[in-house]
Protein backbone atom coordinates (compact mmCIF):
# COMPACT_ATOMS: atom_id res chain seq x y z
CA MET A 1 0.00 0.00 0.00
CA ASP A 2 1.36 3.42 -0.94
CA LEU A 3 -0.13 6.05 1.33
CA ALA A 4 1.08 8.83 -0.92
CA THR A 5 -1.14 7.60 -3.77
CA ALA A 6 -4.20 6.84 -1.66
CA LYS A 7 -7.38 8.39 -3.04
CA ALA A 8 -8.70 11.56 -1.42
CA PRO A 9 -6.25 11.86 1.50
CA PRO A 10 -7.78 13.54 4.54
CA ASP A 11 -7.19 17.20 5.33
CA PRO A 12 -4.28 17.50 7.82
CA VAL A 13 -5.93 20.41 9.63
CA ARG A 14 -9.15 18.47 10.17
CA VAL A 15 -7.41 15.26 11.24
CA THR A 16 -5.21 17.25 13.63
CA ALA A 17 -8.27 18.92 15.14
CA ASP A 18 -9.96 15.55 15.60
CA LEU A 19 -6.94 14.01 17.33
CA ARG A 20 -6.39 17.10 19.47
CA ARG A 21 -10.03 17.02 20.56
CA TRP A 22 -9.77 13.34 21.48
CA VAL A 23 -6.66 14.01 23.56
CA ILE A 24 -8.13 17.03 25.35
CA GLU A 25 -11.67 15.83 25.92
CA LYS A 26 -11.13 12.11 26.44
CA ALA A 27 -7.57 10.90 27.05
CA LEU A 28 -6.24 13.57 29.40
CA PRO A 29 -9.32 13.49 31.71
CA LEU A 30 -9.26 9.67 31.89
CA TRP A 31 -5.60 9.35 32.80
CA ALA A 32 -5.80 12.28 35.24
CA SER A 33 -8.64 10.60 37.14
CA ALA A 34 -8.66 6.81 36.90
CA GLY A 35 -5.02 6.92 35.81
CA TYR A 36 -3.83 8.89 38.86
CA ASP A 37 -3.55 7.45 42.35
CA ALA A 38 -4.56 10.24 44.72
CA LYS A 39 -4.27 7.88 47.71
CA ARG A 40 -0.79 6.41 47.18
CA GLY A 41 0.57 9.20 45.00
CA GLY A 42 1.79 9.07 41.42
CA PHE A 43 0.27 7.60 38.30
CA GLN A 44 -1.27 4.18 37.84
CA GLU A 45 0.69 1.66 35.82
CA ARG A 46 -2.26 0.63 33.65
CA LEU A 47 -6.02 0.48 33.37
CA HIS A 48 -8.31 -2.46 32.73
CA ALA A 49 -10.42 -2.45 29.58
CA ASP A 50 -13.32 -0.93 31.51
CA GLY A 51 -11.18 2.03 32.58
CA THR A 52 -10.60 0.98 36.19
CA PRO A 53 -7.00 0.95 37.49
CA ASP A 54 -5.02 -2.23 38.01
CA VAL A 55 -3.94 -1.49 41.57
CA THR A 56 -2.04 -4.78 41.86
CA ALA A 57 0.57 -3.94 39.22
CA PRO A 58 4.04 -2.73 40.15
CA ARG A 59 4.39 0.89 39.03
CA ARG A 60 7.33 1.58 36.80
CA LEU A 61 9.40 4.75 36.90
CA LEU A 62 8.93 4.83 33.12
CA VAL A 63 5.21 5.48 33.62
CA GLN A 64 5.82 8.29 36.12
CA GLY A 65 8.33 10.03 33.84
CA ARG A 66 6.16 9.79 30.74
CA GLN A 67 2.99 10.92 32.50
CA ILE A 68 4.72 13.88 34.16
CA TYR A 69 5.97 14.94 30.74
CA SER A 70 2.54 14.44 29.19
CA TYR A 71 0.62 16.54 31.69
CA ALA A 72 3.28 19.24 31.84
CA LEU A 73 3.21 19.50 28.04
CA ALA A 74 -0.60 19.52 28.00
CA ALA A 75 -0.62 22.32 30.57
CA ASP A 76 2.01 24.28 28.64
CA LEU A 77 -0.09 24.03 25.47
CA GLY A 78 -3.17 25.23 27.35
CA TRP A 79 -4.94 21.96 26.61
CA PHE A 80 -5.30 20.81 30.21
CA PRO A 81 -4.47 23.56 32.72
CA GLN A 82 -4.95 21.29 35.74
CA GLY A 83 -2.12 19.20 34.36
CA LYS A 84 0.34 21.66 35.89
CA THR A 85 -0.52 20.73 39.46
CA LEU A 86 -0.75 17.06 38.53
CA ALA A 87 2.70 17.04 36.91
CA ILE A 88 4.35 18.96 39.75
CA ASP A 89 2.82 16.72 42.43
CA ALA A 90 3.82 13.60 40.51
CA ALA A 91 7.36 14.92 40.08
CA ALA A 92 7.61 15.41 43.85
CA PHE A 93 6.33 11.85 44.35
CA MET A 94 8.85 10.51 41.83
CA LEU A 95 11.74 12.23 43.56
CA GLU A 96 10.60 11.09 47.01
CA LYS A 97 9.81 7.46 46.26
CA TYR A 98 11.93 6.41 43.27
CA ARG A 99 15.17 8.30 43.89
CA SER A 100 17.77 6.55 46.04
CA PRO A 101 20.41 8.14 48.29
CA ASP A 102 23.06 7.47 45.62
CA GLY A 103 21.23 9.81 43.25
CA GLY A 104 19.95 7.09 40.94
CA PHE A 105 16.37 5.96 40.45
CA VAL A 106 14.86 2.51 40.92
CA VAL A 107 12.93 0.83 38.11
CA SER A 108 9.64 0.14 39.90
CA LEU A 109 7.67 0.26 43.13
CA ALA A 110 5.33 -2.35 44.57
CA PRO A 111 1.68 -1.39 45.23
CA ASP A 112 2.63 -0.35 48.80
CA ASN A 113 5.34 2.01 47.43
CA SER A 114 8.20 -0.21 48.57
CA VAL A 115 10.93 -0.92 46.03
CA ALA A 116 10.01 -3.75 43.65
CA ASP A 117 13.01 -3.51 41.31
CA GLY A 118 16.06 -1.58 42.45
CA THR A 119 17.93 -1.79 39.13
CA ARG A 120 19.36 1.49 37.86
CA ASP A 121 18.29 1.38 34.23
CA SER A 122 19.81 3.93 31.84
CA TYR A 123 16.82 3.92 29.47
CA VAL A 124 14.42 4.80 32.29
CA HIS A 125 16.67 7.59 33.59
CA MET A 126 16.20 9.39 30.29
CA PHE A 127 12.51 9.80 31.09
CA VAL A 128 13.41 11.27 34.46
CA LEU A 129 15.35 13.95 32.57
CA LEU A 130 12.45 14.46 30.16
CA ALA A 131 9.95 14.77 33.00
CA LEU A 132 12.08 17.13 35.09
CA SER A 133 12.78 19.35 32.07
CA TRP A 134 9.09 19.90 31.44
CA ALA A 135 8.13 20.08 35.13
CA THR A 136 10.80 22.75 35.64
CA LYS A 137 9.51 24.72 32.66
CA ILE A 138 5.90 24.90 33.84
CA SER A 139 6.75 25.45 37.52
CA GLY A 140 9.93 27.53 37.50
CA ASP A 141 10.90 25.48 40.58
CA ALA A 142 14.64 25.72 41.25
CA GLN A 143 14.53 22.48 43.26
CA LEU A 144 13.32 20.56 40.21
CA ARG A 145 16.13 22.08 38.15
CA THR A 146 18.59 21.02 40.85
CA ALA A 147 17.16 17.50 40.74
CA LEU A 148 17.59 17.45 36.96
CA ASP A 149 21.24 18.45 37.23
CA GLY A 150 21.79 15.87 39.95
CA THR A 151 20.29 13.17 37.76
CA LEU A 152 22.48 14.22 34.87
CA ALA A 153 25.55 14.03 37.13
CA TYR A 154 24.53 10.53 38.28
CA ILE A 155 24.15 9.37 34.67
CA ASP A 156 27.59 10.76 33.84
CA ALA A 157 29.24 9.11 36.84
CA GLU A 158 27.47 5.75 37.00
CA LEU A 159 25.70 4.99 33.71
CA THR A 160 28.23 6.22 31.15
CA ALA A 161 30.99 4.07 29.62
CA PRO A 162 34.52 5.37 28.97
CA ASP A 163 33.66 5.91 25.28
CA GLY A 164 30.78 8.23 26.24
CA SER A 165 28.02 5.74 25.44
CA LEU A 166 25.42 4.64 27.96
CA VAL A 167 25.79 1.34 29.76
CA GLU A 168 22.58 -0.63 30.17
CA GLY A 169 22.39 -0.07 33.89
CA ILE A 170 23.46 -1.25 37.31
CA PRO A 171 23.97 -4.17 37.54
CA ALA A 172 25.56 -4.39 34.10
CA SER A 173 23.78 -6.37 31.43
CA GLN A 174 24.00 -7.34 27.78
CA PRO A 175 23.32 -6.66 24.98
CA ARG A 176 24.04 -2.96 24.48
CA ARG A 177 21.14 -1.08 22.89
CA GLN A 178 20.60 1.96 20.74
CA ASN A 179 17.27 2.74 22.45
CA PRO A 180 18.61 4.42 25.63
CA HIS A 181 20.68 6.69 23.40
CA MET A 182 17.69 7.67 21.28
CA HIS A 183 15.77 8.70 24.39
CA CYS A 184 18.85 10.45 25.76
CA PHE A 185 18.88 12.42 22.50
CA GLU A 186 15.21 13.24 23.09
CA ALA A 187 15.91 14.30 26.67
CA MET A 188 18.78 16.57 25.63
CA LEU A 189 16.55 18.29 23.08
CA ALA A 190 13.89 18.72 25.78
CA MET A 191 16.44 20.24 28.17
CA HIS A 192 17.32 22.79 25.51
CA GLU A 193 13.76 23.45 24.39
CA THR A 194 12.24 23.86 27.85
CA ILE A 195 14.85 25.53 30.06
CA GLN A 196 17.68 26.34 27.61
CA HIS A 197 19.99 24.03 29.53
CA PRO A 198 23.56 24.76 28.38
CA GLN A 199 24.34 21.06 28.00
CA GLY A 200 21.29 20.24 25.89
CA LEU A 201 22.44 20.85 22.33
CA LEU A 202 26.08 20.05 23.12
CA ARG A 203 25.19 16.55 24.28
CA ALA A 204 22.61 16.14 21.53
CA ALA A 205 25.34 16.78 18.96
CA LYS A 206 27.45 13.93 20.37
CA LEU A 207 24.48 11.56 20.35
CA HIS A 208 23.65 12.54 16.79
CA GLN A 209 27.22 11.70 15.80
CA MET A 210 27.01 8.37 17.60
CA MET A 211 23.81 7.53 15.75
CA ALA A 212 25.43 8.25 12.40
CA GLU A 213 28.67 6.39 13.17
CA LYS A 214 27.52 3.41 15.25
CA PHE A 215 23.78 2.80 14.89
CA TYR A 216 23.00 3.70 11.30
CA ASP A 217 24.10 1.24 8.62
CA PRO A 218 24.33 3.05 5.27
CA GLN A 219 24.37 -0.26 3.41
CA THR A 220 20.95 -1.38 4.62
CA GLN A 221 19.75 2.09 5.70
CA CYS A 222 18.70 0.48 8.97
CA LEU A 223 19.24 1.15 12.66
CA THR A 224 20.17 -2.02 14.50
CA GLU A 225 18.79 -2.48 18.01
CA TYR A 226 21.37 -4.72 19.74
CA TYR A 227 25.18 -4.68 19.96
CA ASP A 228 28.12 -6.26 21.71
CA ASP A 229 30.44 -4.28 23.99
CA ASN A 230 32.43 -3.04 21.00
CA TRP A 231 29.29 -1.72 19.31
CA ARG A 232 29.24 -4.43 16.68
CA PRO A 233 25.66 -5.30 15.64
CA LEU A 234 24.54 -8.70 16.87
CA THR A 235 23.73 -11.32 14.27
CA GLY A 236 21.54 -14.42 14.32
CA ASP A 237 18.99 -14.24 17.11
CA GLY A 238 20.28 -10.79 18.04
CA ASP A 239 19.63 -9.28 14.61
CA SER A 240 16.77 -6.90 15.39
CA VAL A 241 15.29 -3.84 13.71
CA GLU A 242 12.26 -1.92 14.99
CA PRO A 243 10.54 0.11 12.27
CA GLY A 244 8.98 2.41 14.87
CA HIS A 245 12.42 3.49 16.03
CA HIS A 246 13.34 4.41 12.46
CA ALA A 247 10.40 6.80 12.35
CA GLU A 248 11.17 8.10 15.85
CA TRP A 249 14.82 8.79 15.04
CA ALA A 250 13.79 10.52 11.80
CA TRP A 251 11.53 12.89 13.75
CA LEU A 252 14.15 13.53 16.45
CA ILE A 253 16.93 14.22 13.96
CA ARG A 254 14.79 16.74 12.11
CA LYS A 255 13.91 18.37 15.44
CA TYR A 256 17.59 18.57 16.34
CA GLU A 257 18.41 20.12 12.98
CA ARG A 258 15.67 22.71 13.47
CA LEU A 259 16.71 23.61 17.03
CA ALA A 260 20.41 23.69 16.16
CA GLY A 261 19.92 25.68 12.96
CA LEU A 262 21.41 22.94 10.76
CA ALA A 263 20.59 22.13 7.16
CA PRO A 264 18.40 19.04 6.62
CA SER A 265 20.45 15.86 6.27
CA ALA A 266 19.78 12.71 4.24
CA ILE A 267 19.52 10.13 7.03
CA PRO A 268 15.94 10.88 8.20
CA ALA A 269 14.52 10.36 4.70
CA ALA A 270 16.46 7.09 4.44
CA LEU A 271 15.09 5.96 7.81
CA ILE A 272 11.54 6.70 6.72
CA LYS A 273 12.11 4.71 3.55
CA SER A 274 13.35 1.76 5.62
CA ALA A 275 10.43 1.99 8.04
CA LEU A 276 8.03 1.78 5.11
CA ARG A 277 9.71 -1.43 3.95
CA PHE A 278 8.69 -3.04 7.22
CA ARG A 279 4.93 -2.59 7.08
CA ASP A 280 2.10 -5.03 7.27
CA PRO A 281 1.16 -5.16 3.57
CA LYS A 282 -2.54 -5.50 4.30
CA SER A 283 -3.08 -2.65 6.76
CA GLY A 284 -0.09 -0.42 6.11
CA PHE A 285 0.82 -0.31 9.81
CA LEU A 286 4.42 -0.74 10.93
CA LEU A 287 5.39 -4.17 12.19
CA GLU A 288 6.81 -4.50 15.68
CA GLU A 289 10.19 -6.11 14.97
CA VAL A 290 12.02 -7.49 11.93
CA THR A 291 15.58 -8.35 10.89
CA ARG A 292 17.74 -6.26 8.60
CA GLN A 293 16.74 -8.69 5.84
CA ALA A 294 13.06 -7.88 6.50
CA VAL A 295 12.30 -11.24 8.12
CA THR A 296 9.49 -10.70 10.63
CA ARG A 297 10.48 -11.41 14.23
CA LYS A 298 7.40 -10.09 16.05
CA ASN A 299 4.21 -10.23 14.09
CA ASN A 300 2.11 -7.91 16.24
CA LEU A 301 0.89 -4.39 15.56
CA ARG A 302 1.59 -2.12 18.54
CA ILE A 303 0.20 1.34 19.07
CA TRP A 304 3.44 3.25 19.62
CA PRO A 305 5.07 2.70 16.18
CA GLN A 306 1.86 3.97 14.58
CA THR A 307 2.21 7.23 16.53
CA GLU A 308 5.81 7.72 15.42
CA MET A 309 5.20 7.28 11.70
CA PRO A 310 2.93 10.36 11.43
CA LYS A 311 5.52 12.47 13.27
CA ALA A 312 8.19 11.39 10.79
CA TRP A 313 5.92 12.43 7.91
CA MET A 314 5.16 15.74 9.63
CA VAL A 315 8.76 16.91 9.75
CA GLU A 316 9.14 15.96 6.09
CA ALA A 317 5.99 17.95 5.33
CA GLU A 318 7.62 20.90 7.08
CA LEU A 319 10.40 20.59 4.49
CA ARG A 320 7.73 20.50 1.76
CA VAL A 321 8.47 16.93 0.71
CA PRO A 322 5.76 16.00 -1.82
CA GLY A 323 3.05 13.78 -0.35
CA ALA A 324 4.37 14.01 3.22
CA ALA A 325 1.44 16.05 4.57
CA ASP A 326 -1.06 13.64 3.01
CA ASN A 327 0.80 10.69 4.47
CA ALA A 328 0.91 12.29 7.91
CA ALA A 329 -2.84 12.91 7.85
CA THR A 330 -3.62 9.44 6.56
CA THR A 331 -1.50 7.68 9.18
CA MET A 332 -3.00 9.80 11.98
CA GLN A 333 -6.47 8.89 10.78
CA MET A 334 -5.53 5.20 10.61
CA LEU A 335 -4.16 5.38 14.17
CA ALA A 336 -7.36 6.91 15.50
CA LYS A 337 -9.68 4.47 13.75
CA ARG A 338 -7.85 1.29 14.74
CA PHE A 339 -6.20 1.96 18.09
CA LEU A 340 -8.12 4.79 19.77
CA ASP A 341 -11.69 3.73 19.06
CA THR A 342 -12.40 1.64 22.17
CA PRO A 343 -15.34 1.16 24.57
CA CYS A 344 -13.26 2.92 27.25
CA ILE A 345 -13.44 6.60 26.31
CA GLY A 346 -9.93 8.01 26.26
CA GLY A 347 -8.30 4.60 26.21
CA TRP A 348 -6.59 2.56 23.52
CA THR A 349 -5.75 -0.92 22.36
CA GLU A 350 -2.06 -1.51 23.04
CA ILE A 351 -1.38 -4.50 20.76
CA PHE A 352 -3.28 -6.30 17.99
CA ASP A 353 -2.35 -9.52 16.28
CA ARG A 354 -2.49 -9.65 12.48
CA GLN A 355 -6.15 -10.74 12.64
CA TRP A 356 -6.99 -7.58 14.62
CA GLN A 357 -7.59 -9.41 17.87
CA PRO A 358 -6.35 -7.57 20.97
CA VAL A 359 -3.30 -9.28 22.46
CA THR A 360 -3.52 -7.59 25.88
CA LYS A 361 -6.46 -7.00 28.20
CA THR A 362 -5.07 -3.88 29.86
CA MET A 363 -4.03 -0.40 28.71
CA PRO A 364 -0.51 0.57 29.79
CA ALA A 365 -0.28 4.25 30.69
CA THR A 366 2.92 4.64 28.67
CA ALA A 367 1.07 5.13 25.37
CA LEU A 368 -0.26 8.58 26.37
CA TYR A 369 3.25 9.96 25.88
CA HIS A 370 3.20 8.71 22.29
CA VAL A 371 -0.32 9.78 21.31
CA LEU A 372 -0.06 13.18 22.97
CA GLY A 373 3.31 13.72 21.28
CA THR A 374 1.75 13.04 17.89
CA ALA A 375 -1.13 15.42 18.56
CA ALA A 376 1.23 18.14 19.81
CA GLU A 377 3.51 17.87 16.79
CA ALA A 378 0.54 17.97 14.41
CA HIS A 379 -0.79 21.02 16.25
CA ARG A 380 2.57 22.73 15.80
CA LEU A 381 2.25 22.34 12.04
CA TRP A 382 -1.50 22.60 11.57
CA PRO A 383 -3.07 24.64 14.37
CA SER A 384 -6.70 25.63 14.05
């Protein structure tokens, strides 16, 4: 299926307005009420299909970071003013309950707020930086800025290898991954964009270089997921490519170029081209995981890759790439029809199999970060 040649593509302004309305009127109220734990503090890990919280699930730091970012961004946009208090309170909870005396953060808490998993995971720390950047912006709180700088210092001292790359965490583990670096890149851009942190663009430049030199393979135009300690891509069972990350990197690189005042480069367009190679031919949605030779490894259709593909098209539309605006609107419309149309108003289906049967019975909170991000980027281009 070629989205660029689809008949009568939808109007980007109308599709953006529809998605923005869904976020403001349905998603943000749901996850601020049922999705927030006023008794224990912080955000719920996930909701059941009927919209009630799963209070038995351990609550990951990843959820807290993403939800703090989401409600801070929504408040900053004027979409959900009460999100300011929610984000600030949740940031205080995150710092009190998840941060350890050594300055690092644990992965998850049990339902009683005791530590469930004390691992220091580098990927998750990037969402602490993202959350604190946005919480600092909307609050102007110097203590949150101090916490951000302390987290950055901890990452430098404990989660950074001698070559400047991120280790997986403490305790050490294998394989090495590109994903923590992509979200570190995102966090550095957020630090610059929100509070003009002097390290933001400087560190983003180094991560951009690492992407081009270590993660991106110009022969296959793919980004490999897993590596050995010398940053050699794993083969065999370790050969993994995630099309959603290709789209996500494309969007982030274009954002970096815009913020840094750089000319558009060729890699984002190549990443989009590769992502489109790895689609379900029937629906047009991105597959979850393949190999560099396009052999399917995970056959499911997840929500988050389908939120990243429209963002990749949006930044190409900003550069006036022919067909990009139509593709962005079409993929946003496809996302809404398949994944956001559920009996639980403001909820979503996290994973479908290829026969469009839901794979999971719960809604992880983490997807709000993705859907809201898509709506916000579309609004930046096509406000109404």
